[in-house]
Amino acid sequence: MLHTVIQVKPTQDFKVYVYFCDGKIKLYDVSPLLNQGVFKQISDIKIFIKKCTVINHTLAWDVGGNFDPYNCIDIDPETIYSTALDVADPLAEKAA
């Protein structure tokens, strides 16, 4: 089964809440990647948050500013699904 990301919500500590189409919500920590290769481009928290989005049905950063699926930084949704922590919806917590 392929896992499809439908929404993302970045945090101030380089983590991202990743919402999957099956209802699962994962909290993915990007900080270990920020000193590696292309991920250095998103090591500034303002850029990390502003450019964080969904492209190619997964967590991505729109570094080119035009939602080009070939000019973005993305992470395999299967990696996120299998390694990130299952969490409750942070948006639901605020609404309560």
PDB file of N, CA and C in Angstrom:
ATOM      1  N   MET A   1       0.835  -1.187   0.000  1.00  0.00           N
ATOM      2  CA  MET A   1       0.000   0.000   0.000  1.00  0.00           C
ATOM      3  C   MET A   1       0.877   1.247   0.000  1.00  0.00           C
ATOM      4  N   LEU A   2       0.588   2.138  -0.910  1.00  0.00           N
ATOM      5  CA  LEU A   2       1.310   3.405  -0.932  1.00  0.00           C
ATOM      6  C   LEU A   2       0.630   4.384   0.012  1.00  0.00           C
ATOM      7  N   HIS A   3       1.415   5.106   0.761  1.00  0.00           N
ATOM      8  CA  HIS A   3       0.895   6.073   1.713  1.00  0.00           C
ATOM      9  C   HIS A   3       0.973   7.471   1.112  1.00  0.00           C
ATOM     10  N   THR A   4      -0.154   8.161   1.116  1.00  0.00           N
ATOM     11  CA  THR A   4      -0.259   9.472   0.500  1.00  0.00           C
ATOM     12  C   THR A   4      -0.416  10.542   1.565  1.00  0.00           C
ATOM     13  N   VAL A   5       0.422  11.566   1.480  1.00  0.00           N
ATOM     14  CA  VAL A   5       0.350  12.697   2.398  1.00  0.00           C
ATOM     15  C   VAL A   5      -0.680  13.685   1.863  1.00  0.00           C
ATOM     16  N   ILE A   6      -1.566  14.154   2.756  1.00  0.00           N
ATOM     17  CA  ILE A   6      -2.598  15.105   2.332  1.00  0.00           C
ATOM     18  C   ILE A   6      -2.451  16.476   2.976  1.00  0.00           C
ATOM     19  N   GLN A   7      -1.669  16.557   4.066  1.00  0.00           N
ATOM     20  CA  GLN A   7      -1.497  17.842   4.747  1.00  0.00           C
ATOM     21  C   GLN A   7      -0.231  17.776   5.591  1.00  0.00           C
ATOM     22  N   VAL A   8       0.416  18.927   5.778  1.00  0.00           N
ATOM     23  CA  VAL A   8       1.572  19.024   6.659  1.00  0.00           C
ATOM     24  C   VAL A   8       1.451  20.282   7.511  1.00  0.00           C
ATOM     25  N   LYS A   9       2.036  20.221   8.705  1.00  0.00           N
ATOM     26  CA  LYS A   9       2.045  21.369   9.604  1.00  0.00           C
ATOM     27  C   LYS A   9       3.418  21.423  10.270  1.00  0.00           C
ATOM     28  N   PRO A  10       4.283  22.361   9.837  1.00  0.00           N
ATOM     29  CA  PRO A  10       5.624  22.453  10.424  1.00  0.00           C
ATOM     30  C   PRO A  10       5.581  23.078  11.822  1.00  0.00           C
ATOM     31  N   THR A  11       6.604  22.773  12.620  1.00  0.00           N
ATOM     32  CA  THR A  11       6.721  23.319  13.962  1.00  0.00           C
ATOM     33  C   THR A  11       7.956  24.226  14.052  1.00  0.00           C
ATOM     34  N   GLN A  12       8.100  24.897  15.161  1.00  0.00           N
ATOM     35  CA  GLN A  12       9.239  25.797  15.387  1.00  0.00           C
ATOM     36  C   GLN A  12      10.524  25.049  15.735  1.00  0.00           C
ATOM     37  N   ASP A  13      10.460  23.735  15.900  1.00  0.00           N
ATOM     38  CA  ASP A  13      11.661  22.967  16.255  1.00  0.00           C
ATOM     39  C   ASP A  13      12.036  21.943  15.173  1.00  0.00           C
ATOM     40  N   PHE A  14      11.783  22.308  13.917  1.00  0.00           N
ATOM     41  CA  PHE A  14      12.180  21.500  12.753  1.00  0.00           C
ATOM     42  C   PHE A  14      11.529  20.107  12.730  1.00  0.00           C
ATOM     43  N   LYS A  15      10.300  20.058  13.207  1.00  0.00           N
ATOM     44  CA  LYS A  15       9.502  18.850  13.075  1.00  0.00           C
ATOM     45  C   LYS A  15       8.285  19.198  12.235  1.00  0.00           C
ATOM     46  N   VAL A  16       7.661  18.174  11.679  1.00  0.00           N
ATOM     47  CA  VAL A  16       6.485  18.392  10.841  1.00  0.00           C
ATOM     48  C   VAL A  16       5.426  17.346  11.195  1.00  0.00           C
ATOM     49  N   TYR A  17       4.209  17.836  11.451  1.00  0.00           N
ATOM     50  CA  TYR A  17       3.067  16.934  11.557  1.00  0.00           C
ATOM     51  C   TYR A  17       2.674  16.579  10.134  1.00  0.00           C
ATOM     52  N   VAL A  18       2.619  15.286   9.853  1.00  0.00           N
ATOM     53  CA  VAL A  18       2.338  14.804   8.508  1.00  0.00           C
ATOM     54  C   VAL A  18       1.038  13.994   8.561  1.00  0.00           C
ATOM     55  N   TYR A  19       0.051  14.448   7.804  1.00  0.00           N
ATOM     56  CA  TYR A  19      -1.267  13.817   7.766  1.00  0.00           C
ATOM     57  C   TYR A  19      -1.359  12.911   6.538  1.00  0.00           C
ATOM     58  N   PHE A  20      -1.727  11.649   6.778  1.00  0.00           N
ATOM     59  CA  PHE A  20      -1.844  10.684   5.690  1.00  0.00           C
ATOM     60  C   PHE A  20      -3.313  10.434   5.350  1.00  0.00           C
ATOM     61  N   CYS A  21      -3.545   9.968   4.140  1.00  0.00           N
ATOM     62  CA  CYS A  21      -4.915   9.753   3.663  1.00  0.00           C
ATOM     63  C   CYS A  21      -5.654   8.670   4.438  1.00  0.00           C
ATOM     64  N   ASP A  22      -4.940   7.797   5.137  1.00  0.00           N
ATOM     65  CA  ASP A  22      -5.602   6.754   5.921  1.00  0.00           C
ATOM     66  C   ASP A  22      -5.988   7.218   7.323  1.00  0.00           C
ATOM     67  N   GLY A  23      -5.760   8.511   7.615  1.00  0.00           N
ATOM     68  CA  GLY A  23      -6.124   9.076   8.904  1.00  0.00           C
ATOM     69  C   GLY A  23      -4.988   9.137   9.912  1.00  0.00           C
ATOM     70  N   LYS A  24      -3.880   8.483   9.632  1.00  0.00           N
ATOM     71  CA  LYS A  24      -2.732   8.524  10.544  1.00  0.00           C
ATOM     72  C   LYS A  24      -2.089   9.907  10.502  1.00  0.00           C
ATOM     73  N   ILE A  25      -1.585  10.310  11.657  1.00  0.00           N
ATOM     74  CA  ILE A  25      -0.821  11.556  11.757  1.00  0.00           C
ATOM     75  C   ILE A  25       0.519  11.193  12.380  1.00  0.00           C
ATOM     76  N   LYS A  26       1.588  11.599  11.731  1.00  0.00           N
ATOM     77  CA  LYS A  26       2.946  11.294  12.184  1.00  0.00           C
ATOM     78  C   LYS A  26       3.667  12.602  12.487  1.00  0.00           C
ATOM     79  N   LEU A  27       4.591  12.556  13.442  1.00  0.00           N
ATOM     80  CA  LEU A  27       5.441  13.698  13.734  1.00  0.00           C
ATOM     81  C   LEU A  27       6.845  13.325  13.291  1.00  0.00           C
ATOM     82  N   TYR A  28       7.300  13.977  12.212  1.00  0.00           N
ATOM     83  CA  TYR A  28       8.587  13.650  11.605  1.00  0.00           C
ATOM     84  C   TYR A  28       9.610  14.705  11.982  1.00  0.00           C
ATOM     85  N   ASP A  29      10.731  14.267  12.542  1.00  0.00           N
ATOM     86  CA  ASP A  29      11.816  15.157  12.955  1.00  0.00           C
ATOM     87  C   ASP A  29      12.815  15.305  11.813  1.00  0.00           C
ATOM     88  N   VAL A  30      12.875  16.497  11.246  1.00  0.00           N
ATOM     89  CA  VAL A  30      13.760  16.760  10.103  1.00  0.00           C
ATOM     90  C   VAL A  30      15.140  17.203  10.566  1.00  0.00           C
ATOM     91  N   SER A  31      15.301  17.594  11.819  1.00  0.00           N
ATOM     92  CA  SER A  31      16.554  18.175  12.302  1.00  0.00           C
ATOM     93  C   SER A  31      17.804  17.335  12.030  1.00  0.00           C
ATOM     94  N   PRO A  32      17.768  16.005  12.087  1.00  0.00           N
ATOM     95  CA  PRO A  32      18.987  15.244  11.784  1.00  0.00           C
ATOM     96  C   PRO A  32      19.461  15.400  10.328  1.00  0.00           C
ATOM     97  N   LEU A  33      18.582  15.849   9.449  1.00  0.00           N
ATOM     98  CA  LEU A  33      18.934  15.975   8.026  1.00  0.00           C
ATOM     99  C   LEU A  33      19.481  17.346   7.644  1.00  0.00           C
ATOM    100  N   LEU A  34      19.310  18.335   8.511  1.00  0.00           N
ATOM    101  CA  LEU A  34      19.541  19.727   8.122  1.00  0.00           C
ATOM    102  C   LEU A  34      20.981  20.094   7.787  1.00  0.00           C
ATOM    103  N   ASN A  35      21.941  19.270   8.155  1.00  0.00           N
ATOM    104  CA  ASN A  35      23.334  19.540   7.808  1.00  0.00           C
ATOM    105  C   ASN A  35      23.814  18.697   6.636  1.00  0.00           C
ATOM    106  N   GLN A  36      22.870  18.075   5.934  1.00  0.00           N
ATOM    107  CA  GLN A  36      23.213  17.176   4.841  1.00  0.00           C
ATOM    108  C   GLN A  36      22.701  17.700   3.509  1.00  0.00           C
ATOM    109  N   GLY A  37      23.561  17.753   2.527  1.00  0.00           N
ATOM    110  CA  GLY A  37      23.196  18.033   1.136  1.00  0.00           C
ATOM    111  C   GLY A  37      22.155  19.114   0.938  1.00  0.00           C
ATOM    112  N   VAL A  38      21.115  18.786   0.191  1.00  0.00           N
ATOM    113  CA  VAL A  38      20.083  19.757  -0.169  1.00  0.00           C
ATOM    114  C   VAL A  38      19.303  20.267   1.042  1.00  0.00           C
ATOM    115  N   PHE A  39      19.302  19.519   2.128  1.00  0.00           N
ATOM    116  CA  PHE A  39      18.543  19.925   3.304  1.00  0.00           C
ATOM    117  C   PHE A  39      19.121  21.174   3.975  1.00  0.00           C
ATOM    118  N   LYS A  40      20.372  21.510   3.670  1.00  0.00           N
ATOM    119  CA  LYS A  40      20.968  22.740   4.203  1.00  0.00           C
ATOM    120  C   LYS A  40      20.152  23.965   3.779  1.00  0.00           C
ATOM    121  N   GLN A  41      19.468  23.871   2.628  1.00  0.00           N
ATOM    122  CA  GLN A  41      18.658  24.983   2.117  1.00  0.00           C
ATOM    123  C   GLN A  41      17.481  25.321   3.020  1.00  0.00           C
ATOM    124  N   ILE A  42      17.076  24.393   3.883  1.00  0.00           N
ATOM    125  CA  ILE A  42      15.918  24.633   4.754  1.00  0.00           C
ATOM    126  C   ILE A  42      16.326  24.663   6.226  1.00  0.00           C
ATOM    127  N   SER A  43      17.601  24.911   6.503  1.00  0.00           N
ATOM    128  CA  SER A  43      18.078  24.912   7.883  1.00  0.00           C
ATOM    129  C   SER A  43      17.754  26.204   8.628  1.00  0.00           C
ATOM    130  N   ASP A  44      17.276  27.219   7.927  1.00  0.00           N
ATOM    131  CA  ASP A  44      16.771  28.438   8.567  1.00  0.00           C
ATOM    132  C   ASP A  44      15.300  28.185   8.897  1.00  0.00           C
ATOM    133  N   ILE A  45      14.910  28.372  10.148  1.00  0.00           N
ATOM    134  CA  ILE A  45      13.550  28.023  10.577  1.00  0.00           C
ATOM    135  C   ILE A  45      12.487  28.784   9.798  1.00  0.00           C
ATOM    136  N   LYS A  46      12.759  30.011   9.410  1.00  0.00           N
ATOM    137  CA  LYS A  46      11.766  30.783   8.646  1.00  0.00           C
ATOM    138  C   LYS A  46      11.522  30.141   7.282  1.00  0.00           C
ATOM    139  N   ILE A  47      12.581  29.725   6.615  1.00  0.00           N
ATOM    140  CA  ILE A  47      12.462  29.054   5.317  1.00  0.00           C
ATOM    141  C   ILE A  47      11.814  27.682   5.499  1.00  0.00           C
ATOM    142  N   PHE A  48      12.244  26.966   6.531  1.00  0.00           N
ATOM    143  CA  PHE A  48      11.689  25.648   6.826  1.00  0.00           C
ATOM    144  C   PHE A  48      10.164  25.712   6.920  1.00  0.00           C
ATOM    145  N   ILE A  49       9.666  26.673   7.663  1.00  0.00           N
ATOM    146  CA  ILE A  49       8.219  26.793   7.866  1.00  0.00           C
ATOM    147  C   ILE A  49       7.518  27.347   6.630  1.00  0.00           C
ATOM    148  N   LYS A  50       8.063  28.403   6.058  1.00  0.00           N
ATOM    149  CA  LYS A  50       7.404  29.070   4.922  1.00  0.00           C
ATOM    150  C   LYS A  50       7.311  28.175   3.680  1.00  0.00           C
ATOM    151  N   LYS A  51       8.326  27.392   3.423  1.00  0.00           N
ATOM    152  CA  LYS A  51       8.386  26.578   2.203  1.00  0.00           C
ATOM    153  C   LYS A  51       7.807  25.169   2.368  1.00  0.00           C
ATOM    154  N   CYS A  52       7.433  24.792   3.589  1.00  0.00           N
ATOM    155  CA  CYS A  52       6.917  23.447   3.866  1.00  0.00           C
ATOM    156  C   CYS A  52       5.523  23.277   3.246  1.00  0.00           C
ATOM    157  N   THR A  53       5.335  22.191   2.507  1.00  0.00           N
ATOM    158  CA  THR A  53       4.078  21.970   1.794  1.00  0.00           C
ATOM    159  C   THR A  53       3.945  20.492   1.405  1.00  0.00           C
ATOM    160  N   VAL A  54       2.948  20.201   0.615  1.00  0.00           N
ATOM    161  CA  VAL A  54       2.782  18.865   0.029  1.00  0.00           C
ATOM    162  C   VAL A  54       3.009  18.975  -1.474  1.00  0.00           C
ATOM    163  N   ILE A  55       3.985  18.244  -1.963  1.00  0.00           N
ATOM    164  CA  ILE A  55       4.257  18.130  -3.402  1.00  0.00           C
ATOM    165  C   ILE A  55       4.543  16.651  -3.661  1.00  0.00           C
ATOM    166  N   ASN A  56       4.096  16.138  -4.776  1.00  0.00           N
ATOM    167  CA  ASN A  56       4.310  14.719  -5.110  1.00  0.00           C
ATOM    168  C   ASN A  56       3.665  13.795  -4.070  1.00  0.00           C
ATOM    169  N   HIS A  57       2.593  14.243  -3.437  1.00  0.00           N
ATOM    170  CA  HIS A  57       1.869  13.455  -2.435  1.00  0.00           C
ATOM    171  C   HIS A  57       2.709  13.128  -1.215  1.00  0.00           C
ATOM    172  N   THR A  58       3.675  14.020  -0.895  1.00  0.00           N
ATOM    173  CA  THR A  58       4.504  13.803   0.278  1.00  0.00           C
ATOM    174  C   THR A  58       4.962  15.128   0.865  1.00  0.00           C
ATOM    175  N   LEU A  59       5.615  15.059   2.011  1.00  0.00           N
ATOM    176  CA  LEU A  59       6.203  16.222   2.660  1.00  0.00           C
ATOM    177  C   LEU A  59       7.293  16.789   1.765  1.00  0.00           C
ATOM    178  N   ALA A  60       7.210  18.098   1.520  1.00  0.00           N
ATOM    179  CA  ALA A  60       8.188  18.726   0.630  1.00  0.00           C
ATOM    180  C   ALA A  60       8.397  20.181   1.028  1.00  0.00           C
ATOM    181  N   TRP A  61       9.462  20.752   0.470  1.00  0.00           N
ATOM    182  CA  TRP A  61       9.733  22.177   0.617  1.00  0.00           C
ATOM    183  C   TRP A  61       9.860  22.752  -0.780  1.00  0.00           C
ATOM    184  N   ASP A  62       9.054  23.754  -1.048  1.00  0.00           N
ATOM    185  CA  ASP A  62       8.982  24.397  -2.359  1.00  0.00           C
ATOM    186  C   ASP A  62      10.094  25.438  -2.477  1.00  0.00           C
ATOM    187  N   VAL A  63      11.317  24.971  -2.649  1.00  0.00           N
ATOM    188  CA  VAL A  63      12.471  25.873  -2.665  1.00  0.00           C
ATOM    189  C   VAL A  63      12.482  26.791  -3.878  1.00  0.00           C
ATOM    190  N   GLY A  64      11.877  26.374  -4.973  1.00  0.00           N
ATOM    191  CA  GLY A  64      11.845  27.202  -6.175  1.00  0.00           C
ATOM    192  C   GLY A  64      10.719  28.210  -6.182  1.00  0.00           C
ATOM    193  N   GLY A  65       9.743  28.028  -5.312  1.00  0.00           N
ATOM    194  CA  GLY A  65       8.637  28.969  -5.200  1.00  0.00           C
ATOM    195  C   GLY A  65       7.547  28.823  -6.238  1.00  0.00           C
ATOM    196  N   ASN A  66       7.540  27.719  -6.990  1.00  0.00           N
ATOM    197  CA  ASN A  66       6.513  27.564  -8.025  1.00  0.00           C
ATOM    198  C   ASN A  66       5.889  26.161  -8.047  1.00  0.00           C
ATOM    199  N   PHE A  67       5.998  25.434  -6.953  1.00  0.00           N
ATOM    200  CA  PHE A  67       5.430  24.085  -6.817  1.00  0.00           C
ATOM    201  C   PHE A  67       5.857  23.147  -7.937  1.00  0.00           C
ATOM    202  N   ASP A  68       7.084  23.294  -8.391  1.00  0.00           N
ATOM    203  CA  ASP A  68       7.653  22.419  -9.409  1.00  0.00           C
ATOM    204  C   ASP A  68       8.070  21.107  -8.739  1.00  0.00           C
ATOM    205  N   PRO A  69       7.466  19.988  -9.129  1.00  0.00           N
ATOM    206  CA  PRO A  69       7.804  18.716  -8.488  1.00  0.00           C
ATOM    207  C   PRO A  69       9.236  18.258  -8.741  1.00  0.00           C
ATOM    208  N   TYR A  70       9.921  18.905  -9.685  1.00  0.00           N
ATOM    209  CA  TYR A  70      11.306  18.567  -9.970  1.00  0.00           C
ATOM    210  C   TYR A  70      12.275  19.516  -9.295  1.00  0.00           C
ATOM    211  N   ASN A  71      11.765  20.607  -8.705  1.00  0.00           N
ATOM    212  CA  ASN A  71      12.615  21.587  -8.042  1.00  0.00           C
ATOM    213  C   ASN A  71      12.112  21.787  -6.612  1.00  0.00           C
ATOM    214  N   CYS A  72      12.114  20.699  -5.867  1.00  0.00           N
ATOM    215  CA  CYS A  72      11.694  20.752  -4.473  1.00  0.00           C
ATOM    216  C   CYS A  72      12.560  19.776  -3.683  1.00  0.00           C
ATOM    217  N   ILE A  73      12.471  19.899  -2.383  1.00  0.00           N
ATOM    218  CA  ILE A  73      13.105  18.928  -1.495  1.00  0.00           C
ATOM    219  C   ILE A  73      11.964  18.108  -0.913  1.00  0.00           C
ATOM    220  N   ASP A  74      12.007  16.810  -1.099  1.00  0.00           N
ATOM    221  CA  ASP A  74      10.933  15.992  -0.542  1.00  0.00           C
ATOM    222  C   ASP A  74      11.486  14.757   0.148  1.00  0.00           C
ATOM    223  N   ILE A  75      10.633  14.149   0.945  1.00  0.00           N
ATOM    224  CA  ILE A  75      11.006  12.960   1.701  1.00  0.00           C
ATOM    225  C   ILE A  75      10.016  11.860   1.348  1.00  0.00           C
ATOM    226  N   ASP A  76      10.530  10.684   1.094  1.00  0.00           N
ATOM    227  CA  ASP A  76       9.708   9.539   0.724  1.00  0.00           C
ATOM    228  C   ASP A  76       8.610   9.322   1.773  1.00  0.00           C
ATOM    229  N   PRO A  77       7.345   9.291   1.350  1.00  0.00           N
ATOM    230  CA  PRO A  77       6.266   9.110   2.325  1.00  0.00           C
ATOM    231  C   PRO A  77       6.347   7.774   3.072  1.00  0.00           C
ATOM    232  N   GLU A  78       6.921   6.762   2.439  1.00  0.00           N
ATOM    233  CA  GLU A  78       7.058   5.468   3.106  1.00  0.00           C
ATOM    234  C   GLU A  78       8.062   5.563   4.263  1.00  0.00           C
ATOM    235  N   THR A  79       9.099   6.369   4.088  1.00  0.00           N
ATOM    236  CA  THR A  79      10.068   6.597   5.164  1.00  0.00           C
ATOM    237  C   THR A  79       9.399   7.287   6.341  1.00  0.00           C
ATOM    238  N   ILE A  80       8.631   8.316   6.048  1.00  0.00           N
ATOM    239  CA  ILE A  80       7.928   9.039   7.110  1.00  0.00           C
ATOM    240  C   ILE A  80       6.968   8.102   7.833  1.00  0.00           C
ATOM    241  N   TYR A  81       6.183   7.364   7.071  1.00  0.00           N
ATOM    242  CA  TYR A  81       5.159   6.490   7.640  1.00  0.00           C
ATOM    243  C   TYR A  81       5.772   5.418   8.540  1.00  0.00           C
ATOM    244  N   SER A  82       6.902   4.874   8.136  1.00  0.00           N
ATOM    245  CA  SER A  82       7.486   3.759   8.887  1.00  0.00           C
ATOM    246  C   SER A  82       8.403   4.195  10.026  1.00  0.00           C
ATOM    247  N   THR A  83       8.895   5.429  10.019  1.00  0.00           N
ATOM    248  CA  THR A  83       9.864   5.823  11.045  1.00  0.00           C
ATOM    249  C   THR A  83       9.364   6.882  12.020  1.00  0.00           C
ATOM    250  N   ALA A  84       8.397   7.688  11.625  1.00  0.00           N
ATOM    251  CA  ALA A  84       7.946   8.790  12.480  1.00  0.00           C
ATOM    252  C   ALA A  84       6.950   8.303  13.532  1.00  0.00           C
ATOM    253  N   LEU A  85       6.856   9.067  14.605  1.00  0.00           N
ATOM    254  CA  LEU A  85       5.950   8.737  15.697  1.00  0.00           C
ATOM    255  C   LEU A  85       4.501   8.989  15.322  1.00  0.00           C
ATOM    256  N   ASP A  86       3.609   8.094  15.735  1.00  0.00           N
ATOM    257  CA  ASP A  86       2.170   8.335  15.634  1.00  0.00           C
ATOM    258  C   ASP A  86       1.795   9.355  16.703  1.00  0.00           C
ATOM    259  N   VAL A  87       1.011  10.361  16.321  1.00  0.00           N
ATOM    260  CA  VAL A  87       0.603  11.399  17.272  1.00  0.00           C
ATOM    261  C   VAL A  87      -0.860  11.754  17.072  1.00  0.00           C
ATOM    262  N   ALA A  88      -1.399  12.463  18.061  1.00  0.00           N
ATOM    263  CA  ALA A  88      -2.751  12.998  17.953  1.00  0.00           C
ATOM    264  C   ALA A  88      -2.706  14.257  17.098  1.00  0.00           C
ATOM    265  N   ASP A  89      -3.828  14.644  16.571  1.00  0.00           N
ATOM    266  CA  ASP A  89      -3.928  15.821  15.718  1.00  0.00           C
ATOM    267  C   ASP A  89      -3.724  17.087  16.554  1.00  0.00           C
ATOM    268  N   PRO A  90      -2.662  17.853  16.307  1.00  0.00           N
ATOM    269  CA  PRO A  90      -2.425  19.067  17.090  1.00  0.00           C
ATOM    270  C   PRO A  90      -3.479  20.142  16.808  1.00  0.00           C
ATOM    271  N   LEU A  91      -4.097  20.086  15.646  1.00  0.00           N
ATOM    272  CA  LEU A  91      -5.130  21.068  15.313  1.00  0.00           C
ATOM    273  C   LEU A  91      -6.400  20.786  16.104  1.00  0.00           C
ATOM    274  N   ALA A  92      -6.702  19.527  16.350  1.00  0.00           N
ATOM    275  CA  ALA A  92      -7.878  19.167  17.146  1.00  0.00           C
ATOM    276  C   ALA A  92      -7.695  19.569  18.600  1.00  0.00           C
ATOM    277  N   GLU A  93      -6.457  19.479  19.099  1.00  0.00           N
ATOM    278  CA  GLU A  93      -6.169  19.847  20.480  1.00  0.00           C
ATOM    279  C   GLU A  93      -6.441  21.333  20.716  1.00  0.00           C
ATOM    280  N   LYS A  94      -6.121  22.171  19.736  1.00  0.00           N
ATOM    281  CA  LYS A  94      -6.334  23.615  19.863  1.00  0.00           C
ATOM    282  C   LYS A  94      -7.818  23.969  19.801  1.00  0.00           C
ATOM    283  N   ALA A  95      -8.579  23.164  19.073  1.00  0.00           N
ATOM    284  CA  ALA A  95     -10.005  23.445  18.912  1.00  0.00           C
ATOM    285  C   ALA A  95     -10.798  23.065  20.163  1.00  0.00           C
ATOM    286  N   ALA A  96     -10.259  22.162  20.953  1.00  0.00           N
ATOM    287  CA  ALA A  96     -10.962  21.677  22.151  1.00  0.00           C
ATOM    288  C   ALA A  96     -10.961  22.682  23.285  1.00  0.00           C
TER     289      ALA A  96
END
